[in-house]
Amino acid sequence: MAKISQINRNLKREKMVAQYAVKRAALKATAKDPAVPAEEQFAARLKLSKLPRNSSKTRVKHRCEMSGRSKGFYRKVKLSRIALRDLANFGQIPGMTKASW
């Protein structure tokens, strides 16, 4: 089980990303657009740097829905390898069985 503070910090980041997503996308589009004058592009980059760091999508860490574990994470099921194995062994995940050959 991950520390509760780490899980809460990640949730806070996810909320902040959602809050600033539109503003960040607009500033990025302005900064990258070659038709916009260089001064406006520079101003957009400055405004982008003034936004909170945690509003960036890359700051959000993938974590297991059950345990909060960050390593060994499967994106498709949003679970860590340990939680996935436990659920599969108890037959909780449809179509997934223990391998045997």
PDB file of N, CA and C in Angstrom:
ATOM      1  N   MET A   1       0.847  -1.181   0.000  1.00  0.00           N
ATOM      2  CA  MET A   1       0.000   0.000   0.000  1.00  0.00           C
ATOM      3  C   MET A   1       0.890   1.241   0.000  1.00  0.00           C
ATOM      4  N   ALA A   2       0.596   2.137  -0.912  1.00  0.00           N
ATOM      5  CA  ALA A   2       1.364   3.380  -1.005  1.00  0.00           C
ATOM      6  C   ALA A   2       0.972   4.315   0.133  1.00  0.00           C
ATOM      7  N   LYS A   3       1.848   5.269   0.394  1.00  0.00           N
ATOM      8  CA  LYS A   3       1.542   6.253   1.415  1.00  0.00           C
ATOM      9  C   LYS A   3       0.328   7.070   0.982  1.00  0.00           C
ATOM     10  N   ILE A   4      -0.531   7.351   1.918  1.00  0.00           N
ATOM     11  CA  ILE A   4      -1.750   8.113   1.630  1.00  0.00           C
ATOM     12  C   ILE A   4      -1.396   9.495   1.095  1.00  0.00           C
ATOM     13  N   SER A   5      -0.316  10.077   1.591  1.00  0.00           N
ATOM     14  CA  SER A   5       0.081  11.406   1.124  1.00  0.00           C
ATOM     15  C   SER A   5       0.458  11.383  -0.358  1.00  0.00           C
ATOM     16  N   GLN A   6       1.091  10.298  -0.816  1.00  0.00           N
ATOM     17  CA  GLN A   6       1.455  10.193  -2.226  1.00  0.00           C
ATOM     18  C   GLN A   6       0.210  10.071  -3.101  1.00  0.00           C
ATOM     19  N   ILE A   7      -0.758   9.298  -2.640  1.00  0.00           N
ATOM     20  CA  ILE A   7      -2.007   9.122  -3.389  1.00  0.00           C
ATOM     21  C   ILE A   7      -2.757  10.446  -3.463  1.00  0.00           C
ATOM     22  N   ASN A   8      -2.842  11.145  -2.334  1.00  0.00           N
ATOM     23  CA  ASN A   8      -3.547  12.431  -2.306  1.00  0.00           C
ATOM     24  C   ASN A   8      -2.851  13.470  -3.169  1.00  0.00           C
ATOM     25  N   ARG A   9      -1.530  13.479  -3.153  1.00  0.00           N
ATOM     26  CA  ARG A   9      -0.767  14.427  -3.971  1.00  0.00           C
ATOM     27  C   ARG A   9      -1.054  14.195  -5.448  1.00  0.00           C
ATOM     28  N   ASN A  10      -1.130  12.925  -5.834  1.00  0.00           N
ATOM     29  CA  ASN A  10      -1.409  12.594  -7.229  1.00  0.00           C
ATOM     30  C   ASN A  10      -2.830  13.003  -7.620  1.00  0.00           C
ATOM     31  N   LEU A  11      -3.786  12.811  -6.711  1.00  0.00           N
ATOM     32  CA  LEU A  11      -5.164  13.225  -6.986  1.00  0.00           C
ATOM     33  C   LEU A  11      -5.255  14.740  -7.153  1.00  0.00           C
ATOM     34  N   LYS A  12      -4.503  15.457  -6.334  1.00  0.00           N
ATOM     35  CA  LYS A  12      -4.463  16.913  -6.431  1.00  0.00           C
ATOM     36  C   LYS A  12      -3.920  17.344  -7.794  1.00  0.00           C
ATOM     37  N   ARG A  13      -2.892  16.654  -8.253  1.00  0.00           N
ATOM     38  CA  ARG A  13      -2.315  16.959  -9.559  1.00  0.00           C
ATOM     39  C   ARG A  13      -3.305  16.686 -10.674  1.00  0.00           C
ATOM     40  N   GLU A  14      -4.045  15.571 -10.579  1.00  0.00           N
ATOM     41  CA  GLU A  14      -5.035  15.237 -11.604  1.00  0.00           C
ATOM     42  C   GLU A  14      -6.107  16.312 -11.702  1.00  0.00           C
ATOM     43  N   LYS A  15      -6.559  16.821 -10.557  1.00  0.00           N
ATOM     44  CA  LYS A  15      -7.565  17.888 -10.554  1.00  0.00           C
ATOM     45  C   LYS A  15      -7.009  19.165 -11.177  1.00  0.00           C
ATOM     46  N   MET A  16      -5.759  19.475 -10.853  1.00  0.00           N
ATOM     47  CA  MET A  16      -5.142  20.689 -11.371  1.00  0.00           C
ATOM     48  C   MET A  16      -4.932  20.598 -12.884  1.00  0.00           C
ATOM     49  N   VAL A  17      -4.592  19.416 -13.382  1.00  0.00           N
ATOM     50  CA  VAL A  17      -4.430  19.214 -14.819  1.00  0.00           C
ATOM     51  C   VAL A  17      -5.754  19.475 -15.529  1.00  0.00           C
ATOM     52  N   ALA A  18      -6.837  18.946 -14.970  1.00  0.00           N
ATOM     53  CA  ALA A  18      -8.160  19.154 -15.570  1.00  0.00           C
ATOM     54  C   ALA A  18      -8.558  20.629 -15.529  1.00  0.00           C
ATOM     55  N   GLN A  19      -8.211  21.293 -14.458  1.00  0.00           N
ATOM     56  CA  GLN A  19      -8.574  22.702 -14.279  1.00  0.00           C
ATOM     57  C   GLN A  19      -7.886  23.602 -15.306  1.00  0.00           C
ATOM     58  N   TYR A  20      -6.611  23.357 -15.583  1.00  0.00           N
ATOM     59  CA  TYR A  20      -5.824  24.224 -16.451  1.00  0.00           C
ATOM     60  C   TYR A  20      -5.672  23.685 -17.878  1.00  0.00           C
ATOM     61  N   ALA A  21      -6.342  22.598 -18.222  1.00  0.00           N
ATOM     62  CA  ALA A  21      -6.130  21.950 -19.520  1.00  0.00           C
ATOM     63  C   ALA A  21      -6.440  22.873 -20.695  1.00  0.00           C
ATOM     64  N   VAL A  22      -7.555  23.561 -20.655  1.00  0.00           N
ATOM     65  CA  VAL A  22      -7.964  24.421 -21.775  1.00  0.00           C
ATOM     66  C   VAL A  22      -7.004  25.593 -21.921  1.00  0.00           C
ATOM     67  N   LYS A  23      -6.684  26.237 -20.810  1.00  0.00           N
ATOM     68  CA  LYS A  23      -5.782  27.391 -20.832  1.00  0.00           C
ATOM     69  C   LYS A  23      -4.395  26.989 -21.333  1.00  0.00           C
ATOM     70  N   ARG A  24      -3.910  25.865 -20.852  1.00  0.00           N
ATOM     71  CA  ARG A  24      -2.589  25.379 -21.252  1.00  0.00           C
ATOM     72  C   ARG A  24      -2.564  25.031 -22.739  1.00  0.00           C
ATOM     73  N   ALA A  25      -3.618  24.397 -23.237  1.00  0.00           N
ATOM     74  CA  ALA A  25      -3.677  24.027 -24.658  1.00  0.00           C
ATOM     75  C   ALA A  25      -3.702  25.267 -25.546  1.00  0.00           C
ATOM     76  N   ALA A  26      -4.440  26.284 -25.127  1.00  0.00           N
ATOM     77  CA  ALA A  26      -4.516  27.522 -25.920  1.00  0.00           C
ATOM     78  C   ALA A  26      -3.149  28.217 -25.967  1.00  0.00           C
ATOM     79  N   LEU A  27      -2.465  28.287 -24.834  1.00  0.00           N
ATOM     80  CA  LEU A  27      -1.151  28.921 -24.797  1.00  0.00           C
ATOM     81  C   LEU A  27      -0.125  28.145 -25.621  1.00  0.00           C
ATOM     82  N   LYS A  28      -0.196  26.822 -25.555  1.00  0.00           N
ATOM     83  CA  LYS A  28       0.724  26.001 -26.336  1.00  0.00           C
ATOM     84  C   LYS A  28       0.490  26.195 -27.831  1.00  0.00           C
ATOM     85  N   ALA A  29      -0.785  26.264 -28.238  1.00  0.00           N
ATOM     86  CA  ALA A  29      -1.106  26.460 -29.653  1.00  0.00           C
ATOM     87  C   ALA A  29      -0.580  27.803 -30.137  1.00  0.00           C
ATOM     88  N   THR A  30      -0.727  28.835 -29.317  1.00  0.00           N
ATOM     89  CA  THR A  30      -0.224  30.154 -29.681  1.00  0.00           C
ATOM     90  C   THR A  30       1.294  30.150 -29.771  1.00  0.00           C
ATOM     91  N   ALA A  31       1.951  29.490 -28.837  1.00  0.00           N
ATOM     92  CA  ALA A  31       3.410  29.468 -28.803  1.00  0.00           C
ATOM     93  C   ALA A  31       4.002  28.709 -29.989  1.00  0.00           C
ATOM     94  N   LYS A  32       3.287  27.719 -30.510  1.00  0.00           N
ATOM     95  CA  LYS A  32       3.811  26.899 -31.597  1.00  0.00           C
ATOM     96  C   LYS A  32       3.390  27.379 -32.986  1.00  0.00           C
ATOM     97  N   ASP A  33       2.393  28.251 -33.067  1.00  0.00           N
ATOM     98  CA  ASP A  33       1.851  28.693 -34.349  1.00  0.00           C
ATOM     99  C   ASP A  33       2.841  29.616 -35.067  1.00  0.00           C
ATOM    100  N   PRO A  34       3.320  29.224 -36.266  1.00  0.00           N
ATOM    101  CA  PRO A  34       4.282  30.076 -36.979  1.00  0.00           C
ATOM    102  C   PRO A  34       3.654  31.349 -37.552  1.00  0.00           C
ATOM    103  N   ALA A  35       2.339  31.382 -37.697  1.00  0.00           N
ATOM    104  CA  ALA A  35       1.666  32.562 -38.244  1.00  0.00           C
ATOM    105  C   ALA A  35       1.596  33.701 -37.227  1.00  0.00           C
ATOM    106  N   VAL A  36       1.729  33.378 -35.956  1.00  0.00           N
ATOM    107  CA  VAL A  36       1.670  34.378 -34.883  1.00  0.00           C
ATOM    108  C   VAL A  36       3.027  35.083 -34.799  1.00  0.00           C
ATOM    109  N   PRO A  37       3.034  36.396 -34.580  1.00  0.00           N
ATOM    110  CA  PRO A  37       4.315  37.113 -34.449  1.00  0.00           C
ATOM    111  C   PRO A  37       5.165  36.572 -33.292  1.00  0.00           C
ATOM    112  N   ALA A  38       6.468  36.759 -33.415  1.00  0.00           N
ATOM    113  CA  ALA A  38       7.419  36.212 -32.445  1.00  0.00           C
ATOM    114  C   ALA A  38       7.193  36.770 -31.042  1.00  0.00           C
ATOM    115  N   GLU A  39       6.789  38.042 -30.936  1.00  0.00           N
ATOM    116  CA  GLU A  39       6.557  38.652 -29.615  1.00  0.00           C
ATOM    117  C   GLU A  39       5.400  37.972 -28.892  1.00  0.00           C
ATOM    118  N   GLU A  40       4.340  37.663 -29.658  1.00  0.00           N
ATOM    119  CA  GLU A  40       3.177  36.988 -29.050  1.00  0.00           C
ATOM    120  C   GLU A  40       3.519  35.554 -28.656  1.00  0.00           C
ATOM    121  N   GLN A  41       4.317  34.894 -29.473  1.00  0.00           N
ATOM    122  CA  GLN A  41       4.749  33.537 -29.125  1.00  0.00           C
ATOM    123  C   GLN A  41       5.559  33.560 -27.834  1.00  0.00           C
ATOM    124  N   PHE A  42       6.446  34.511 -27.719  1.00  0.00           N
ATOM    125  CA  PHE A  42       7.270  34.640 -26.519  1.00  0.00           C
ATOM    126  C   PHE A  42       6.407  34.946 -25.299  1.00  0.00           C
ATOM    127  N   ALA A  43       5.418  35.833 -25.471  1.00  0.00           N
ATOM    128  CA  ALA A  43       4.508  36.166 -24.365  1.00  0.00           C
ATOM    129  C   ALA A  43       3.709  34.941 -23.934  1.00  0.00           C
ATOM    130  N   ALA A  44       3.292  34.130 -24.910  1.00  0.00           N
ATOM    131  CA  ALA A  44       2.537  32.908 -24.590  1.00  0.00           C
ATOM    132  C   ALA A  44       3.407  31.931 -23.816  1.00  0.00           C
ATOM    133  N   ARG A  45       4.682  31.837 -24.194  1.00  0.00           N
ATOM    134  CA  ARG A  45       5.599  30.942 -23.474  1.00  0.00           C
ATOM    135  C   ARG A  45       5.834  31.425 -22.042  1.00  0.00           C
ATOM    136  N   LEU A  46       5.899  32.742 -21.879  1.00  0.00           N
ATOM    137  CA  LEU A  46       6.053  33.281 -20.521  1.00  0.00           C
ATOM    138  C   LEU A  46       4.828  32.979 -19.667  1.00  0.00           C
ATOM    139  N   LYS A  47       3.639  33.167 -20.243  1.00  0.00           N
ATOM    140  CA  LYS A  47       2.400  32.866 -19.512  1.00  0.00           C
ATOM    141  C   LYS A  47       2.322  31.380 -19.185  1.00  0.00           C
ATOM    142  N   LEU A  48       2.784  30.556 -20.111  1.00  0.00           N
ATOM    143  CA  LEU A  48       2.790  29.108 -19.889  1.00  0.00           C
ATOM    144  C   LEU A  48       3.708  28.739 -18.734  1.00  0.00           C
ATOM    145  N   SER A  49       4.829  29.419 -18.632  1.00  0.00           N
ATOM    146  CA  SER A  49       5.760  29.126 -17.542  1.00  0.00           C
ATOM    147  C   SER A  49       5.255  29.642 -16.196  1.00  0.00           C
ATOM    148  N   LYS A  50       4.332  30.592 -16.213  1.00  0.00           N
ATOM    149  CA  LYS A  50       3.763  31.135 -14.973  1.00  0.00           C
ATOM    150  C   LYS A  50       2.692  30.209 -14.384  1.00  0.00           C
ATOM    151  N   LEU A  51       2.154  29.316 -15.206  1.00  0.00           N
ATOM    152  CA  LEU A  51       1.144  28.378 -14.704  1.00  0.00           C
ATOM    153  C   LEU A  51       1.776  27.447 -13.673  1.00  0.00           C
ATOM    154  N   PRO A  52       0.976  26.890 -12.759  1.00  0.00           N
ATOM    155  CA  PRO A  52       1.538  25.962 -11.760  1.00  0.00           C
ATOM    156  C   PRO A  52       2.156  24.730 -12.419  1.00  0.00           C
ATOM    157  N   ARG A  53       3.248  24.282 -11.856  1.00  0.00           N
ATOM    158  CA  ARG A  53       3.926  23.116 -12.421  1.00  0.00           C
ATOM    159  C   ARG A  53       3.049  21.878 -12.378  1.00  0.00           C
ATOM    160  N   ASN A  54       2.259  21.743 -11.335  1.00  0.00           N
ATOM    161  CA  ASN A  54       1.422  20.553 -11.199  1.00  0.00           C
ATOM    162  C   ASN A  54       0.248  20.547 -12.167  1.00  0.00           C
ATOM    163  N   SER A  55       0.086  21.607 -12.949  1.00  0.00           N
ATOM    164  CA  SER A  55      -0.979  21.612 -13.943  1.00  0.00           C
ATOM    165  C   SER A  55      -0.532  20.944 -15.237  1.00  0.00           C
ATOM    166  N   SER A  56       0.719  20.506 -15.290  1.00  0.00           N
ATOM    167  CA  SER A  56       1.230  19.800 -16.460  1.00  0.00           C
ATOM    168  C   SER A  56       0.837  18.322 -16.380  1.00  0.00           C
ATOM    169  N   LYS A  57       0.428  17.789 -17.526  1.00  0.00           N
ATOM    170  CA  LYS A  57      -0.048  16.401 -17.567  1.00  0.00           C
ATOM    171  C   LYS A  57       1.060  15.400 -17.259  1.00  0.00           C
ATOM    172  N   THR A  58       2.302  15.771 -17.533  1.00  0.00           N
ATOM    173  CA  THR A  58       3.397  14.834 -17.315  1.00  0.00           C
ATOM    174  C   THR A  58       3.737  14.657 -15.845  1.00  0.00           C
ATOM    175  N   ARG A  59       3.222  15.515 -14.976  1.00  0.00           N
ATOM    176  CA  ARG A  59       3.512  15.400 -13.544  1.00  0.00           C
ATOM    177  C   ARG A  59       2.643  14.344 -12.860  1.00  0.00           C
ATOM    178  N   VAL A  60       1.569  13.925 -13.519  1.00  0.00           N
ATOM    179  CA  VAL A  60       0.671  12.920 -12.935  1.00  0.00           C
ATOM    180  C   VAL A  60       1.296  11.548 -13.096  1.00  0.00           C
ATOM    181  N   LYS A  61       1.348  10.805 -12.007  1.00  0.00           N
ATOM    182  CA  LYS A  61       1.945   9.473 -11.991  1.00  0.00           C
ATOM    183  C   LYS A  61       0.830   8.438 -12.096  1.00  0.00           C
ATOM    184  N   HIS A  62       1.049   7.396 -12.900  1.00  0.00           N
ATOM    185  CA  HIS A  62       0.072   6.308 -12.974  1.00  0.00           C
ATOM    186  C   HIS A  62       0.136   5.512 -11.681  1.00  0.00           C
ATOM    187  N   ARG A  63      -1.013   5.306 -11.065  1.00  0.00           N
ATOM    188  CA  ARG A  63      -1.068   4.553  -9.811  1.00  0.00           C
ATOM    189  C   ARG A  63      -2.185   3.522  -9.860  1.00  0.00           C
ATOM    190  N   CYS A  64      -1.981   2.429  -9.142  1.00  0.00           N
ATOM    191  CA  CYS A  64      -2.961   1.354  -9.044  1.00  0.00           C
ATOM    192  C   CYS A  64      -4.226   1.873  -8.361  1.00  0.00           C
ATOM    193  N   GLU A  65      -5.381   1.501  -8.893  1.00  0.00           N
ATOM    194  CA  GLU A  65      -6.659   1.924  -8.320  1.00  0.00           C
ATOM    195  C   GLU A  65      -6.893   1.308  -6.935  1.00  0.00           C
ATOM    196  N   MET A  66      -6.362   0.112  -6.712  1.00  0.00           N
ATOM    197  CA  MET A  66      -6.604  -0.573  -5.442  1.00  0.00           C
ATOM    198  C   MET A  66      -5.594  -0.202  -4.360  1.00  0.00           C
ATOM    199  N   SER A  67      -4.313  -0.278  -4.718  1.00  0.00           N
ATOM    200  CA  SER A  67      -3.287  -0.128  -3.690  1.00  0.00           C
ATOM    201  C   SER A  67      -2.541   1.193  -3.747  1.00  0.00           C
ATOM    202  N   GLY A  68      -2.605   1.897  -4.865  1.00  0.00           N
ATOM    203  CA  GLY A  68      -1.865   3.141  -5.001  1.00  0.00           C
ATOM    204  C   GLY A  68      -0.421   2.937  -5.429  1.00  0.00           C
ATOM    205  N   ARG A  69      -0.054   1.689  -5.701  1.00  0.00           N
ATOM    206  CA  ARG A  69       1.315   1.381  -6.111  1.00  0.00           C
ATOM    207  C   ARG A  69       1.602   2.001  -7.476  1.00  0.00           C
ATOM    208  N   SER A  70       2.807   2.579  -7.621  1.00  0.00           N
ATOM    209  CA  SER A  70       3.137   3.260  -8.871  1.00  0.00           C
ATOM    210  C   SER A  70       3.964   2.399  -9.817  1.00  0.00           C
ATOM    211  N   LYS A  71       4.674   1.439  -9.284  1.00  0.00           N
ATOM    212  CA  LYS A  71       5.516   0.598 -10.138  1.00  0.00           C
ATOM    213  C   LYS A  71       4.770  -0.671 -10.534  1.00  0.00           C
ATOM    214  N   GLY A  72       5.100  -1.203 -11.685  1.00  0.00           N
ATOM    215  CA  GLY A  72       4.441  -2.421 -12.164  1.00  0.00           C
ATOM    216  C   GLY A  72       2.989  -2.161 -12.490  1.00  0.00           C
ATOM    217  N   PHE A  73       2.710  -1.035 -13.148  1.00  0.00           N
ATOM    218  CA  PHE A  73       1.341  -0.591 -13.423  1.00  0.00           C
ATOM    219  C   PHE A  73       0.936  -0.999 -14.834  1.00  0.00           C
ATOM    220  N   TYR A  74      -0.245  -1.620 -14.959  1.00  0.00           N
ATOM    221  CA  TYR A  74      -0.808  -1.971 -16.258  1.00  0.00           C
ATOM    222  C   TYR A  74      -1.865  -0.935 -16.609  1.00  0.00           C
ATOM    223  N   ARG A  75      -1.613  -0.172 -17.672  1.00  0.00           N
ATOM    224  CA  ARG A  75      -2.516   0.912 -18.048  1.00  0.00           C
ATOM    225  C   ARG A  75      -3.893   0.410 -18.464  1.00  0.00           C
ATOM    226  N   LYS A  76      -3.930  -0.730 -19.128  1.00  0.00           N
ATOM    227  CA  LYS A  76      -5.186  -1.235 -19.677  1.00  0.00           C
ATOM    228  C   LYS A  76      -6.219  -1.511 -18.585  1.00  0.00           C
ATOM    229  N   VAL A  77      -5.775  -2.019 -17.449  1.00  0.00           N
ATOM    230  CA  VAL A  77      -6.698  -2.347 -16.362  1.00  0.00           C
ATOM    231  C   VAL A  77      -6.560  -1.400 -15.169  1.00  0.00           C
ATOM    232  N   LYS A  78      -5.601  -0.484 -15.221  1.00  0.00           N
ATOM    233  CA  LYS A  78      -5.345   0.495 -14.160  1.00  0.00           C
ATOM    234  C   LYS A  78      -5.048  -0.162 -12.813  1.00  0.00           C
ATOM    235  N   LEU A  79      -4.300  -1.264 -12.866  1.00  0.00           N
ATOM    236  CA  LEU A  79      -3.923  -1.992 -11.655  1.00  0.00           C
ATOM    237  C   LEU A  79      -2.437  -2.303 -11.686  1.00  0.00           C
ATOM    238  N   SER A  80      -1.872  -2.499 -10.501  1.00  0.00           N
ATOM    239  CA  SER A  80      -0.483  -2.937 -10.434  1.00  0.00           C
ATOM    240  C   SER A  80      -0.441  -4.439 -10.699  1.00  0.00           C
ATOM    241  N   ARG A  81       0.759  -4.951 -10.950  1.00  0.00           N
ATOM    242  CA  ARG A  81       0.904  -6.369 -11.261  1.00  0.00           C
ATOM    243  C   ARG A  81       0.467  -7.244 -10.102  1.00  0.00           C
ATOM    244  N   ILE A  82       0.668  -6.778  -8.875  1.00  0.00           N
ATOM    245  CA  ILE A  82       0.324  -7.566  -7.695  1.00  0.00           C
ATOM    246  C   ILE A  82      -1.191  -7.635  -7.520  1.00  0.00           C
ATOM    247  N   ALA A  83      -1.855  -6.487  -7.641  1.00  0.00           N
ATOM    248  CA  ALA A  83      -3.314  -6.450  -7.506  1.00  0.00           C
ATOM    249  C   ALA A  83      -3.971  -7.236  -8.634  1.00  0.00           C
ATOM    250  N   LEU A  84      -3.411  -7.132  -9.838  1.00  0.00           N
ATOM    251  CA  LEU A  84      -3.943  -7.864 -10.987  1.00  0.00           C
ATOM    252  C   LEU A  84      -3.847  -9.369 -10.759  1.00  0.00           C
ATOM    253  N   ARG A  85      -2.727  -9.815 -10.234  1.00  0.00           N
ATOM    254  CA  ARG A  85      -2.527 -11.245  -9.981  1.00  0.00           C
ATOM    255  C   ARG A  85      -3.491 -11.748  -8.906  1.00  0.00           C
ATOM    256  N   ASP A  86      -3.677 -10.963  -7.847  1.00  0.00           N
ATOM    257  CA  ASP A  86      -4.604 -11.357  -6.789  1.00  0.00           C
ATOM    258  C   ASP A  86      -6.028 -11.499  -7.317  1.00  0.00           C
ATOM    259  N   LEU A  87      -6.475 -10.520  -8.081  1.00  0.00           N
ATOM    260  CA  LEU A  87      -7.830 -10.570  -8.634  1.00  0.00           C
ATOM    261  C   LEU A  87      -7.986 -11.727  -9.621  1.00  0.00           C
ATOM    262  N   ALA A  88      -6.957 -11.968 -10.427  1.00  0.00           N
ATOM    263  CA  ALA A  88      -7.022 -13.058 -11.399  1.00  0.00           C
ATOM    264  C   ALA A  88      -7.063 -14.414 -10.705  1.00  0.00           C
ATOM    265  N   ASN A  89      -6.309 -14.579  -9.628  1.00  0.00           N
ATOM    266  CA  ASN A  89      -6.296 -15.848  -8.905  1.00  0.00           C
ATOM    267  C   ASN A  89      -7.642 -16.161  -8.268  1.00  0.00           C
ATOM    268  N   PHE A  90      -8.363 -15.114  -7.866  1.00  0.00           N
ATOM    269  CA  PHE A  90      -9.680 -15.325  -7.257  1.00  0.00           C
ATOM    270  C   PHE A  90     -10.808 -15.322  -8.279  1.00  0.00           C
ATOM    271  N   GLY A  91     -10.467 -15.216  -9.561  1.00  0.00           N
ATOM    272  CA  GLY A  91     -11.476 -15.257 -10.615  1.00  0.00           C
ATOM    273  C   GLY A  91     -12.286 -13.981 -10.736  1.00  0.00           C
ATOM    274  N   GLN A  92     -11.758 -12.866 -10.289  1.00  0.00           N
ATOM    275  CA  GLN A  92     -12.489 -11.598 -10.319  1.00  0.00           C
ATOM    276  C   GLN A  92     -12.419 -10.915 -11.691  1.00  0.00           C
ATOM    277  N   ILE A  93     -11.437 -11.277 -12.518  1.00  0.00           N
ATOM    278  CA  ILE A  93     -11.282 -10.656 -13.829  1.00  0.00           C
ATOM    279  C   ILE A  93     -11.742 -11.652 -14.885  1.00  0.00           C
ATOM    280  N   PRO A  94     -12.799 -11.329 -15.633  1.00  0.00           N
ATOM    281  CA  PRO A  94     -13.328 -12.259 -16.622  1.00  0.00           C
ATOM    282  C   PRO A  94     -12.313 -12.572 -17.739  1.00  0.00           C
ATOM    283  N   GLY A  95     -12.192 -13.852 -18.061  1.00  0.00           N
ATOM    284  CA  GLY A  95     -11.323 -14.272 -19.149  1.00  0.00           C
ATOM    285  C   GLY A  95      -9.870 -14.433 -18.775  1.00  0.00           C
ATOM    286  N   MET A  96      -9.496 -14.105 -17.553  1.00  0.00           N
ATOM    287  CA  MET A  96      -8.097 -14.219 -17.152  1.00  0.00           C
ATOM    288  C   MET A  96      -7.946 -15.416 -16.229  1.00  0.00           C
ATOM    289  N   THR A  97      -7.042 -16.312 -16.639  1.00  0.00           N
ATOM    290  CA  THR A  97      -6.785 -17.508 -15.839  1.00  0.00           C
ATOM    291  C   THR A  97      -5.297 -17.643 -15.598  1.00  0.00           C
ATOM    292  N   LYS A  98      -4.937 -18.451 -14.637  1.00  0.00           N
ATOM    293  CA  LYS A  98      -3.533 -18.706 -14.355  1.00  0.00           C
ATOM    294  C   LYS A  98      -2.931 -19.533 -15.477  1.00  0.00           C
ATOM    295  N   ALA A  99      -1.756 -19.149 -15.910  1.00  0.00           N
ATOM    296  CA  ALA A  99      -1.112 -19.852 -17.020  1.00  0.00           C
ATOM    297  C   ALA A  99      -0.625 -21.230 -16.576  1.00  0.00           C
ATOM    298  N   SER A 100      -0.805 -22.203 -17.438  1.00  0.00           N
ATOM    299  CA  SER A 100      -0.265 -23.540 -17.191  1.00  0.00           C
ATOM    300  C   SER A 100       0.014 -24.207 -18.520  1.00  0.00           C
ATOM    301  N   TRP A 101       1.171 -24.832 -18.652  1.00  0.00           N
ATOM    302  CA  TRP A 101       1.527 -25.516 -19.894  1.00  0.00           C
ATOM    303  C   TRP A 101       2.404 -26.692 -19.626  1.00  0.00           C
TER     304      TRP A 101
END
